[in-house]
Amino acid sequence: MDLINRVKNLILAPGQEWETIAREETTVGELYLRYVLVLTVASTLAGVVGRMLFGWGMPHLHGTYSGGAALAGAVFEIVVTFLSLMVMAYLVDYLAQRFDGERDLLASHKLVVYSATPGWVGGLLGIIPPLGVLGALFGLYGIYLFYAGAPTLKKIPREKAGLFTLVVLAATFLLFFFIGLVTAPFHMMSMGMRHY
């Protein structure tokens, strides 16, 4: 698998690429080491560099990163991403049967990981923080990718793929909301933010 072509094909020709992915022999370990790690590190580092150069901010709240805190925050973000993808894959595998799909954990990992591609590509815009919003919007394309890939990878009937995607999206939102509540204090401490 050529990573750059995989990213390009998922974004420009997802139907064909999902067929290729379904036939592709790989392991969960290879998927995470050769794809997730590279894109997560690139996206995370782009955001870290952007925040170090420009700071981070919201209305009435702004701050800067120290070098060590930025590195700690990046590592934390990467670990949370890996764990989140793995939990999501198990969730997708569990829900698939309820929509007349197949349980296949490797296929679930493929679907979850490759659907996250637009988020990582959009995350590269984080090197210039104001463009981060555009990156986040581009990440929403991952929802369509998931919908398009579910029938091919999980054998979800096409007429149920939309509802399956919505249920997974709702469950994922709740999952990330819970993860955010639990990890927010640790994330703030790991980043060592200074307010001004």
Protein backbone atom coordinates (compact mmCIF):
# COMPACT_ATOMS: atom_id res chain seq x y z
CA MET A 1 0.00 0.00 0.00
CA ASP A 2 1.32 3.40 -1.02
CA LEU A 3 0.12 5.80 1.67
CA ILE A 4 -0.12 8.87 -0.57
CA ASN A 5 -2.11 7.02 -3.24
CA ARG A 6 -4.33 5.49 -0.59
CA VAL A 7 -5.16 8.94 0.81
CA LYS A 8 -5.74 10.40 -2.66
CA ASN A 9 -7.92 7.50 -3.80
CA LEU A 10 -10.01 7.47 -0.62
CA ILE A 11 -10.75 11.15 -1.08
CA LEU A 12 -11.27 11.19 -4.86
CA ALA A 13 -12.55 7.67 -5.68
CA PRO A 14 -13.78 6.07 -2.45
CA GLY A 15 -15.97 3.42 -4.08
CA GLN A 16 -13.09 1.84 -5.97
CA GLU A 17 -10.70 2.24 -3.06
CA TRP A 18 -13.02 0.48 -0.62
CA GLU A 19 -13.10 -2.49 -2.99
CA THR A 20 -9.29 -2.54 -3.04
CA ILE A 21 -9.13 -2.23 0.75
CA ALA A 22 -11.62 -5.10 1.21
CA ARG A 23 -9.37 -7.43 -0.83
CA GLU A 24 -6.14 -6.24 0.75
CA GLU A 25 -4.40 -8.62 3.13
CA THR A 26 -3.01 -6.88 6.18
CA THR A 27 -3.05 -7.09 9.95
CA VAL A 28 -4.36 -4.67 12.54
CA GLY A 29 -0.76 -4.03 13.62
CA GLU A 30 0.36 -3.14 10.10
CA LEU A 31 -2.66 -0.92 9.62
CA TYR A 32 -1.86 1.08 12.74
CA LEU A 33 1.91 1.22 12.26
CA ARG A 34 2.00 2.00 8.54
CA TYR A 35 -1.03 4.21 8.25
CA VAL A 36 -2.45 5.50 11.52
CA LEU A 37 0.91 6.28 13.10
CA VAL A 38 2.20 8.22 10.09
CA LEU A 39 -0.94 10.30 9.57
CA THR A 40 -1.60 10.84 13.27
CA VAL A 41 1.95 12.02 13.91
CA ALA A 42 1.91 14.31 10.85
CA SER A 43 -1.45 15.84 11.75
CA THR A 44 -0.60 16.20 15.44
CA LEU A 45 2.79 17.76 14.78
CA ALA A 46 1.27 20.23 12.33
CA GLY A 47 -1.12 21.35 15.05
CA VAL A 48 1.62 21.52 17.68
CA VAL A 49 3.91 23.57 15.43
CA GLY A 50 1.03 25.90 14.62
CA ARG A 51 0.15 26.39 18.27
CA MET A 52 3.81 26.93 19.22
CA LEU A 53 4.24 29.54 16.49
CA PHE A 54 0.88 31.27 16.80
CA GLY A 55 -0.43 30.21 20.23
CA TRP A 56 -3.84 28.78 20.85
CA GLY A 57 -6.93 30.72 21.57
CA MET A 58 -10.61 31.32 21.83
CA PRO A 59 -12.43 34.57 22.47
CA HIS A 60 -11.18 36.01 25.79
CA LEU A 61 -8.74 33.10 26.29
CA HIS A 62 -5.37 32.77 24.65
CA GLY A 63 -2.10 31.07 25.50
CA THR A 64 1.19 29.66 24.31
CA TYR A 65 2.97 26.33 24.56
CA SER A 66 6.36 25.58 25.99
CA GLY A 67 8.47 23.10 23.97
CA GLY A 68 8.31 20.24 26.48
CA ALA A 69 4.62 20.74 27.09
CA ALA A 70 3.95 20.71 23.36
CA LEU A 71 5.74 17.37 23.00
CA ALA A 72 3.85 15.89 25.97
CA GLY A 73 0.57 17.12 24.52
CA ALA A 74 1.40 15.59 21.12
CA VAL A 75 2.20 12.20 22.66
CA PHE A 76 -1.00 12.34 24.68
CA GLU A 77 -3.03 13.19 21.57
CA ILE A 78 -1.49 10.31 19.59
CA VAL A 79 -2.16 7.78 22.34
CA VAL A 80 -5.78 8.93 22.70
CA THR A 81 -6.23 8.70 18.92
CA PHE A 82 -4.96 5.11 18.83
CA LEU A 83 -7.15 4.06 21.75
CA SER A 84 -10.20 5.81 20.31
CA LEU A 85 -9.84 4.12 16.92
CA MET A 86 -9.49 0.73 18.55
CA VAL A 87 -12.57 1.21 20.73
CA MET A 88 -14.53 2.47 17.71
CA ALA A 89 -13.54 -0.61 15.70
CA TYR A 90 -14.95 -2.90 18.41
CA LEU A 91 -18.10 -0.77 18.54
CA VAL A 92 -18.54 -0.98 14.75
CA ASP A 93 -17.97 -4.73 14.84
CA TYR A 94 -20.57 -5.15 17.57
CA LEU A 95 -23.19 -2.97 15.85
CA ALA A 96 -22.73 -4.46 12.37
CA GLN A 97 -24.68 -7.63 13.19
CA ARG A 98 -27.63 -5.53 14.35
CA PHE A 99 -27.80 -4.13 10.79
CA ASP A 100 -27.49 -7.50 9.03
CA GLY A 101 -23.78 -7.02 8.51
CA GLU A 102 -20.88 -9.30 9.33
CA ARG A 103 -18.63 -9.41 12.36
CA ASP A 104 -15.10 -9.09 11.09
CA LEU A 105 -12.80 -7.18 13.41
CA LEU A 106 -10.10 -6.53 10.80
CA ALA A 107 -12.72 -5.10 8.42
CA SER A 108 -14.01 -2.93 11.27
CA HIS A 109 -10.52 -1.56 11.92
CA LYS A 110 -10.08 -0.87 8.20
CA LEU A 111 -13.42 0.96 8.02
CA VAL A 112 -12.77 3.08 11.10
CA VAL A 113 -9.13 3.87 10.28
CA TYR A 114 -9.56 4.72 6.61
CA SER A 115 -12.71 6.76 7.29
CA ALA A 116 -10.60 8.96 9.58
CA THR A 117 -8.32 9.94 6.69
CA PRO A 118 -9.96 13.31 5.89
CA GLY A 119 -9.59 14.31 9.55
CA TRP A 120 -5.86 13.70 9.45
CA VAL A 121 -5.47 15.45 6.10
CA GLY A 122 -7.50 18.38 7.41
CA GLY A 123 -5.38 18.35 10.57
CA LEU A 124 -2.36 19.27 8.49
CA LEU A 125 -3.92 22.71 8.09
CA GLY A 126 -3.45 23.13 11.85
CA ILE A 127 0.04 24.42 11.12
CA ILE A 128 -1.78 27.70 10.47
CA PRO A 129 -4.36 27.71 13.29
CA PRO A 130 -7.00 29.90 11.59
CA LEU A 131 -7.17 27.28 8.82
CA GLY A 132 -7.85 24.60 11.41
CA VAL A 133 -11.59 25.24 11.04
CA LEU A 134 -11.39 24.36 7.34
CA GLY A 135 -9.47 21.23 8.29
CA ALA A 136 -12.16 20.25 10.76
CA LEU A 137 -14.86 20.77 8.13
CA PHE A 138 -12.94 18.62 5.68
CA GLY A 139 -12.78 15.95 8.37
CA LEU A 140 -16.58 15.65 8.12
CA TYR A 141 -16.03 13.98 4.74
CA GLY A 142 -15.00 10.97 6.81
CA ILE A 143 -18.69 10.41 7.63
CA TYR A 144 -19.41 9.94 3.94
CA LEU A 145 -16.40 7.65 3.59
CA PHE A 146 -17.71 5.50 6.43
CA TYR A 147 -21.15 5.34 4.82
CA ALA A 148 -19.64 4.42 1.45
CA GLY A 149 -17.37 1.75 2.94
CA ALA A 150 -19.81 0.03 5.32
CA PRO A 151 -21.54 -2.10 2.63
CA THR A 152 -18.24 -3.23 1.15
CA LEU A 153 -16.28 -3.93 4.32
CA LYS A 154 -19.00 -4.88 6.79
CA LYS A 155 -21.56 -6.26 4.30
CA ILE A 156 -24.22 -3.86 5.62
CA PRO A 157 -27.14 -3.82 3.13
CA ARG A 158 -27.03 -0.55 1.20
CA GLU A 159 -30.52 0.41 2.34
CA LYS A 160 -29.35 0.15 5.97
CA ALA A 161 -25.95 1.83 5.52
CA GLY A 162 -27.32 5.32 6.26
CA LEU A 163 -28.95 4.32 9.54
CA PHE A 164 -25.91 2.25 10.50
CA THR A 165 -23.70 5.29 9.90
CA LEU A 166 -25.99 7.51 12.00
CA VAL A 167 -26.04 5.04 14.89
CA VAL A 168 -22.26 4.66 14.80
CA LEU A 169 -21.90 8.46 14.58
CA ALA A 170 -24.14 8.97 17.63
CA ALA A 171 -22.31 6.27 19.59
CA THR A 172 -18.97 7.76 18.56
CA PHE A 173 -20.08 11.23 19.65
CA LEU A 174 -21.04 9.87 23.06
CA LEU A 175 -17.75 7.97 23.25
CA PHE A 176 -15.66 11.04 22.44
CA PHE A 177 -17.72 13.20 24.78
CA PHE A 178 -16.98 10.75 27.60
CA ILE A 179 -13.30 10.48 26.61
CA GLY A 180 -13.10 14.28 26.51
CA LEU A 181 -14.55 14.61 29.99
CA VAL A 182 -12.12 12.07 31.39
CA THR A 183 -9.00 13.22 29.56
CA ALA A 184 -9.44 17.03 29.48
CA PRO A 185 -7.75 17.69 32.84
CA PHE A 186 -4.80 15.44 31.92
CA HIS A 187 -4.54 17.01 28.48
CA MET A 188 -4.42 20.52 29.94
CA MET A 189 -1.74 19.46 32.44
CA SER A 190 0.32 17.68 29.76
CA MET A 191 0.29 20.79 27.59
CA GLY A 192 1.45 23.05 30.41
CA MET A 193 -0.52 25.93 29.00
CA ARG A 194 0.32 29.46 29.97
CA HIS A 195 -2.54 31.94 29.82
CA TYR A 196 -2.24 35.61 28.97
